[in-house]
Amino acid sequence: MSTINRILCADAYTLASFDLVSAEMRHQSAYHIVFRKCDVPSGIEDIGVGKVIFHGLTRILRQLFETPLTAHEVDEARRFLATFHLGGKPFPADFAMWDQIVRLGHFPLRIYARRDGSTVNAGEPVVQVIGDPGFGELAGHFESKLLQVWAPSARATHLRRWLEYNESLVRETTDFTSAAEIRALAQTQLSDFGDRASSCSEESEVLGMAHLTSFLGTDTVAGAFAAWKASGGKATGSSVRALAHRVVQGHPEEIDSFKTLLKVAGP
């Protein structure tokens, strides 16, 4: 079951727009997502210019639509919105539509999108959402959640450019000639230690999975585990035993920590 209330995952002005739009839009409408550009860090701005790695939509769609809308969500939303309006009245929402969706047993939407991991052009539509006739407002309801695909896409785009940069270094500094050998080595040259830099566990999972679109090494176990589950148990990332600062500091001398590692883990 979804851990969020799908009615309440929109912006407030979106919830309350159902009786403000035209009759035509309320009957049927479409919504599109386009990445106009993707800013990248200094040093790799000349690599992959105008290209974006689209990634992260599958996870969002599963979170939103894997289970039917429930009467509990409608009741919970109704009780919450009764307290939400600044003027003291219940905050408006189209509960007639939500009750109908519960009876239908599915969300009457069609979603067309590029596959996760696709390379797209900046300015190219990547998602199109169309509400079935009579459910035009539903097309725009999940806008704020679908737009969250920007974060994993930005991370995946940055890392793909770093991968291509690393490949250029491999070509310059080794005798490798085949593209497969060059990529295999380049993919081991950047590892993700971002778990402690995230604001929450979900961010670690989302951005940790994006890292794995280009590189193999990660210490963000939450991201690798989420990718492993999403891929049906396929190997998705890897790590090695390493020395944490507290481990090194817990020995009389730094060299003792390396001796212990060698003894325990072997060459």
Protein backbone atom coordinates (compact mmCIF):
# COMPACT_ATOMS: atom_id res chain seq x y z
CA MET A 1 0.00 0.00 0.00
CA SER A 2 1.17 3.53 -0.75
CA THR A 3 2.67 5.34 2.23
CA ILE A 4 1.39 8.70 1.01
CA ASN A 5 -2.09 10.09 0.56
CA ARG A 6 -2.38 10.46 -3.21
CA ILE A 7 -5.04 13.18 -2.91
CA LEU A 8 -2.82 15.31 -0.68
CA CYS A 9 0.41 14.95 -2.66
CA ALA A 10 -0.42 17.93 -4.89
CA ASP A 11 0.10 21.65 -4.40
CA ALA A 12 -2.84 23.27 -2.65
CA TYR A 13 -3.71 25.46 -5.63
CA THR A 14 -3.86 22.33 -7.78
CA LEU A 15 -6.28 20.66 -5.38
CA ALA A 16 -8.58 23.66 -5.50
CA SER A 17 -8.52 24.37 -9.24
CA PHE A 18 -11.23 21.91 -10.30
CA ASP A 19 -14.05 24.48 -10.42
CA LEU A 20 -11.87 27.27 -11.85
CA VAL A 21 -10.77 25.67 -15.12
CA SER A 22 -12.71 25.66 -18.37
CA ALA A 23 -15.29 22.96 -19.01
CA GLU A 24 -13.14 21.62 -21.84
CA MET A 25 -10.05 21.26 -19.63
CA ARG A 26 -12.06 19.69 -16.84
CA HIS A 27 -13.36 17.09 -19.30
CA GLN A 28 -9.96 16.14 -20.69
CA SER A 29 -6.48 17.64 -20.61
CA ALA A 30 -2.84 16.71 -20.99
CA TYR A 31 0.30 17.63 -19.10
CA HIS A 32 3.92 17.53 -20.27
CA ILE A 33 7.34 17.59 -18.58
CA VAL A 34 10.31 19.10 -20.40
CA PHE A 35 13.88 19.67 -19.17
CA ARG A 36 14.97 22.98 -20.69
CA LYS A 37 18.58 22.53 -19.59
CA CYS A 38 20.76 20.76 -17.04
CA ASP A 39 23.51 22.77 -15.35
CA VAL A 40 26.63 20.74 -14.60
CA PRO A 41 29.71 21.31 -12.41
CA SER A 42 32.74 23.19 -13.69
CA GLY A 43 35.17 20.96 -15.53
CA ILE A 44 32.64 18.85 -17.41
CA GLU A 45 30.48 21.56 -18.94
CA ASP A 46 31.82 20.80 -22.43
CA ILE A 47 30.93 17.09 -22.26
CA GLY A 48 27.53 15.92 -23.48
CA VAL A 49 26.29 19.44 -24.17
CA GLY A 50 22.52 19.59 -24.66
CA LYS A 51 21.94 16.03 -23.46
CA VAL A 52 20.09 14.87 -20.34
CA ILE A 53 19.95 11.40 -18.80
CA PHE A 54 16.30 10.87 -17.91
CA HIS A 55 16.05 8.75 -14.77
CA GLY A 56 13.84 8.14 -11.74
CA LEU A 57 10.29 8.08 -13.10
CA THR A 58 9.65 4.37 -12.52
CA ARG A 59 10.07 4.75 -8.77
CA ILE A 60 7.65 7.69 -8.68
CA LEU A 61 5.03 5.85 -10.74
CA ARG A 62 5.22 2.81 -8.48
CA GLN A 63 4.81 4.99 -5.42
CA LEU A 64 1.77 6.75 -6.87
CA PHE A 65 -0.06 4.09 -8.86
CA GLU A 66 0.99 0.62 -7.73
CA THR A 67 -2.16 0.31 -5.60
CA PRO A 68 -5.71 1.62 -6.18
CA LEU A 69 -6.92 4.71 -4.38
CA THR A 70 -8.69 3.80 -1.14
CA ALA A 71 -11.75 5.14 0.63
CA HIS A 72 -9.48 5.67 3.66
CA GLU A 73 -7.36 8.15 1.66
CA VAL A 74 -10.48 10.05 0.61
CA ASP A 75 -11.77 10.18 4.19
CA GLU A 76 -8.36 11.18 5.54
CA ALA A 77 -8.04 13.95 2.93
CA ARG A 78 -11.52 15.22 3.73
CA ARG A 79 -10.75 15.38 7.47
CA PHE A 80 -7.42 17.13 6.91
CA LEU A 81 -8.74 19.69 4.42
CA ALA A 82 -11.49 20.60 6.88
CA THR A 83 -8.72 22.19 8.98
CA PHE A 84 -6.58 23.63 6.17
CA HIS A 85 -8.40 26.73 4.86
CA LEU A 86 -7.18 30.09 6.16
CA GLY A 87 -10.75 31.38 6.08
CA GLY A 88 -11.98 28.70 8.45
CA LYS A 89 -14.04 26.80 5.88
CA PRO A 90 -13.04 23.38 4.48
CA PHE A 91 -10.40 23.71 1.76
CA PRO A 92 -12.03 22.82 -1.58
CA ALA A 93 -11.20 19.63 -3.48
CA ASP A 94 -13.06 17.58 -6.07
CA PHE A 95 -14.18 14.77 -3.80
CA ALA A 96 -16.80 13.68 -6.33
CA MET A 97 -13.93 12.83 -8.70
CA TRP A 98 -11.93 11.04 -6.00
CA ASP A 99 -14.95 8.99 -4.90
CA GLN A 100 -15.46 7.97 -8.52
CA ILE A 101 -11.80 6.90 -8.81
CA VAL A 102 -12.20 4.70 -5.73
CA ARG A 103 -15.20 3.02 -7.37
CA LEU A 104 -13.28 2.55 -10.63
CA GLY A 105 -10.46 0.75 -8.86
CA HIS A 106 -7.74 2.47 -10.91
CA PHE A 107 -6.47 5.93 -11.83
CA PRO A 108 -7.99 6.87 -15.23
CA LEU A 109 -4.75 8.22 -16.69
CA ARG A 110 -2.49 7.43 -19.60
CA ILE A 111 1.19 8.20 -19.06
CA TYR A 112 3.70 8.18 -21.90
CA ALA A 113 7.36 8.65 -21.04
CA ARG A 114 10.91 7.95 -22.04
CA ARG A 115 12.47 4.93 -20.38
CA ASP A 116 14.58 5.47 -17.28
CA GLY A 117 18.20 5.79 -18.35
CA SER A 118 17.36 7.27 -21.75
CA THR A 119 19.54 10.00 -23.23
CA VAL A 120 17.27 12.86 -24.30
CA ASN A 121 17.78 16.30 -25.77
CA ALA A 122 17.28 19.34 -23.57
CA GLY A 123 13.89 20.77 -24.53
CA GLU A 124 12.52 17.38 -25.57
CA PRO A 125 9.29 16.27 -23.81
CA VAL A 126 10.02 13.31 -21.54
CA VAL A 127 6.61 12.72 -19.91
CA GLN A 128 3.06 13.18 -21.19
CA VAL A 129 0.08 12.64 -18.90
CA ILE A 130 -3.46 12.47 -20.34
CA GLY A 131 -6.60 12.20 -18.25
CA ASP A 132 -9.39 9.99 -19.56
CA PRO A 133 -12.58 11.79 -20.65
CA GLY A 134 -14.27 13.23 -17.59
CA PHE A 135 -11.02 13.26 -15.61
CA GLY A 136 -9.18 16.20 -17.13
CA GLU A 137 -8.10 17.62 -13.77
CA LEU A 138 -6.42 14.35 -12.86
CA ALA A 139 -3.77 14.92 -15.56
CA GLY A 140 -2.28 17.85 -13.68
CA HIS A 141 -2.92 16.62 -10.15
CA PHE A 142 0.35 14.70 -9.82
CA GLU A 143 2.46 17.48 -11.37
CA SER A 144 4.51 18.22 -8.25
CA LYS A 145 5.32 14.55 -7.69
CA LEU A 146 6.22 13.80 -11.32
CA LEU A 147 8.46 16.87 -11.43
CA GLN A 148 10.58 15.29 -8.71
CA VAL A 149 12.17 13.26 -11.49
CA TRP A 150 14.43 16.29 -12.00
CA ALA A 151 16.70 15.37 -9.06
CA PRO A 152 17.68 11.82 -10.10
CA SER A 153 17.87 12.98 -13.73
CA ALA A 154 20.26 15.79 -12.80
CA ARG A 155 22.41 13.40 -10.75
CA ALA A 156 22.43 10.80 -13.53
CA THR A 157 23.34 13.48 -16.10
CA HIS A 158 26.25 14.80 -14.03
CA LEU A 159 27.58 11.31 -13.46
CA ARG A 160 27.29 10.30 -17.11
CA ARG A 161 29.45 13.29 -18.00
CA TRP A 162 31.97 12.33 -15.33
CA LEU A 163 31.98 8.80 -16.76
CA GLU A 164 32.73 10.12 -20.23
CA TYR A 165 35.46 12.32 -18.77
CA ASN A 166 36.94 9.32 -16.96
CA GLU A 167 36.86 7.37 -20.20
CA SER A 168 38.96 10.06 -21.83
CA LEU A 169 41.51 9.71 -19.01
CA VAL A 170 41.62 5.93 -19.48
CA ARG A 171 42.29 6.37 -23.19
CA GLU A 172 45.10 8.84 -22.43
CA THR A 173 46.81 6.83 -19.70
CA THR A 174 46.37 3.15 -20.64
CA ASP A 175 46.83 0.89 -23.63
CA PHE A 176 43.17 -0.11 -23.66
CA THR A 177 41.59 0.24 -27.09
CA SER A 178 38.20 -1.45 -26.91
CA ALA A 179 35.24 0.64 -25.80
CA ALA A 180 34.13 -2.13 -23.42
CA GLU A 181 37.50 -2.24 -21.62
CA ILE A 182 37.68 1.54 -21.39
CA ARG A 183 34.18 1.82 -19.92
CA ALA A 184 34.71 -1.08 -17.50
CA LEU A 185 37.75 0.63 -15.98
CA ALA A 186 36.18 4.10 -16.00
CA GLN A 187 33.13 2.79 -14.14
CA THR A 188 35.28 1.86 -11.15
CA GLN A 189 36.85 5.29 -10.74
CA LEU A 190 34.11 7.11 -8.85
CA SER A 191 32.27 5.82 -5.79
CA ASP A 192 29.24 7.22 -3.96
CA PHE A 193 29.58 8.13 -0.28
CA GLY A 194 26.52 10.37 -0.32
CA ASP A 195 24.38 8.71 2.34
CA ARG A 196 25.63 10.99 5.12
CA ALA A 197 25.14 14.06 2.92
CA SER A 198 21.44 13.37 2.30
CA SER A 199 18.61 15.04 4.16
CA CYS A 200 16.62 11.81 4.55
CA SER A 201 16.69 8.11 3.72
CA GLU A 202 14.55 8.59 0.62
CA GLU A 203 17.06 11.04 -0.83
CA SER A 204 19.83 8.49 -0.26
CA GLU A 205 17.82 5.91 -2.16
CA VAL A 206 16.81 8.16 -5.06
CA LEU A 207 20.22 9.74 -5.69
CA GLY A 208 22.07 6.55 -4.78
CA MET A 209 20.18 4.71 -7.52
CA ALA A 210 20.97 7.50 -9.99
CA HIS A 211 24.68 7.06 -9.26
CA LEU A 212 24.43 3.44 -10.37
CA THR A 213 23.31 4.43 -13.87
CA SER A 214 26.96 5.16 -14.68
CA PHE A 215 29.24 3.83 -11.93
CA LEU A 216 29.57 0.51 -10.13
CA GLY A 217 31.08 1.50 -6.80
CA THR A 218 28.94 2.76 -3.95
CA ASP A 219 28.95 2.89 -0.17
CA THR A 220 25.37 4.18 -0.16
CA VAL A 221 23.87 0.82 0.73
CA ALA A 222 20.33 2.25 0.80
CA GLY A 223 20.59 3.22 -2.87
CA ALA A 224 22.10 -0.09 -3.96
CA PHE A 225 19.47 -2.00 -1.98
CA ALA A 226 16.63 0.03 -3.53
CA ALA A 227 18.05 -0.65 -7.01
CA TRP A 228 18.44 -4.34 -6.17
CA LYS A 229 14.78 -4.57 -5.13
CA ALA A 230 13.56 -2.60 -8.14
CA SER A 231 15.50 -4.82 -10.56
CA GLY A 232 14.20 -8.09 -9.18
CA GLY A 233 17.33 -9.00 -7.25
CA LYS A 234 19.93 -8.34 -9.93
CA ALA A 235 23.41 -7.17 -8.92
CA THR A 236 23.32 -3.38 -9.11
CA GLY A 237 26.28 -2.01 -7.17
CA SER A 238 29.36 -3.10 -5.29
CA SER A 239 31.76 -2.00 -2.60
CA VAL A 240 34.93 -3.11 -0.84
CA ARG A 241 35.99 -3.30 2.80
CA ALA A 242 37.57 -0.03 3.81
CA LEU A 243 38.79 1.69 6.96
CA ALA A 244 36.48 4.17 8.66
CA HIS A 245 38.13 7.03 10.53
CA ARG A 246 36.98 5.63 13.86
CA VAL A 247 38.64 2.29 13.05
CA VAL A 248 41.99 3.93 12.31
CA GLN A 249 41.77 6.16 15.37
CA GLY A 250 40.99 3.16 17.56
CA HIS A 251 44.47 1.66 17.02
CA PRO A 252 47.67 2.79 18.77
CA GLU A 253 49.25 3.61 15.41
CA GLU A 254 47.75 4.11 11.96
CA ILE A 255 49.85 1.28 10.52
CA ASP A 256 48.19 -1.11 12.99
CA SER A 257 44.81 -0.54 11.37
CA PHE A 258 46.20 -1.51 7.96
CA LYS A 259 47.85 -4.59 9.42
CA THR A 260 44.52 -5.62 10.91
CA LEU A 261 42.73 -5.07 7.60
CA LEU A 262 45.32 -7.16 5.78
CA LYS A 263 45.07 -9.92 8.38
CA VAL A 264 41.27 -10.03 8.39
CA ALA A 265 40.44 -9.36 4.74
CA GLY A 266 43.56 -10.74 3.08
CA PRO A 267 45.43 -9.39 0.06
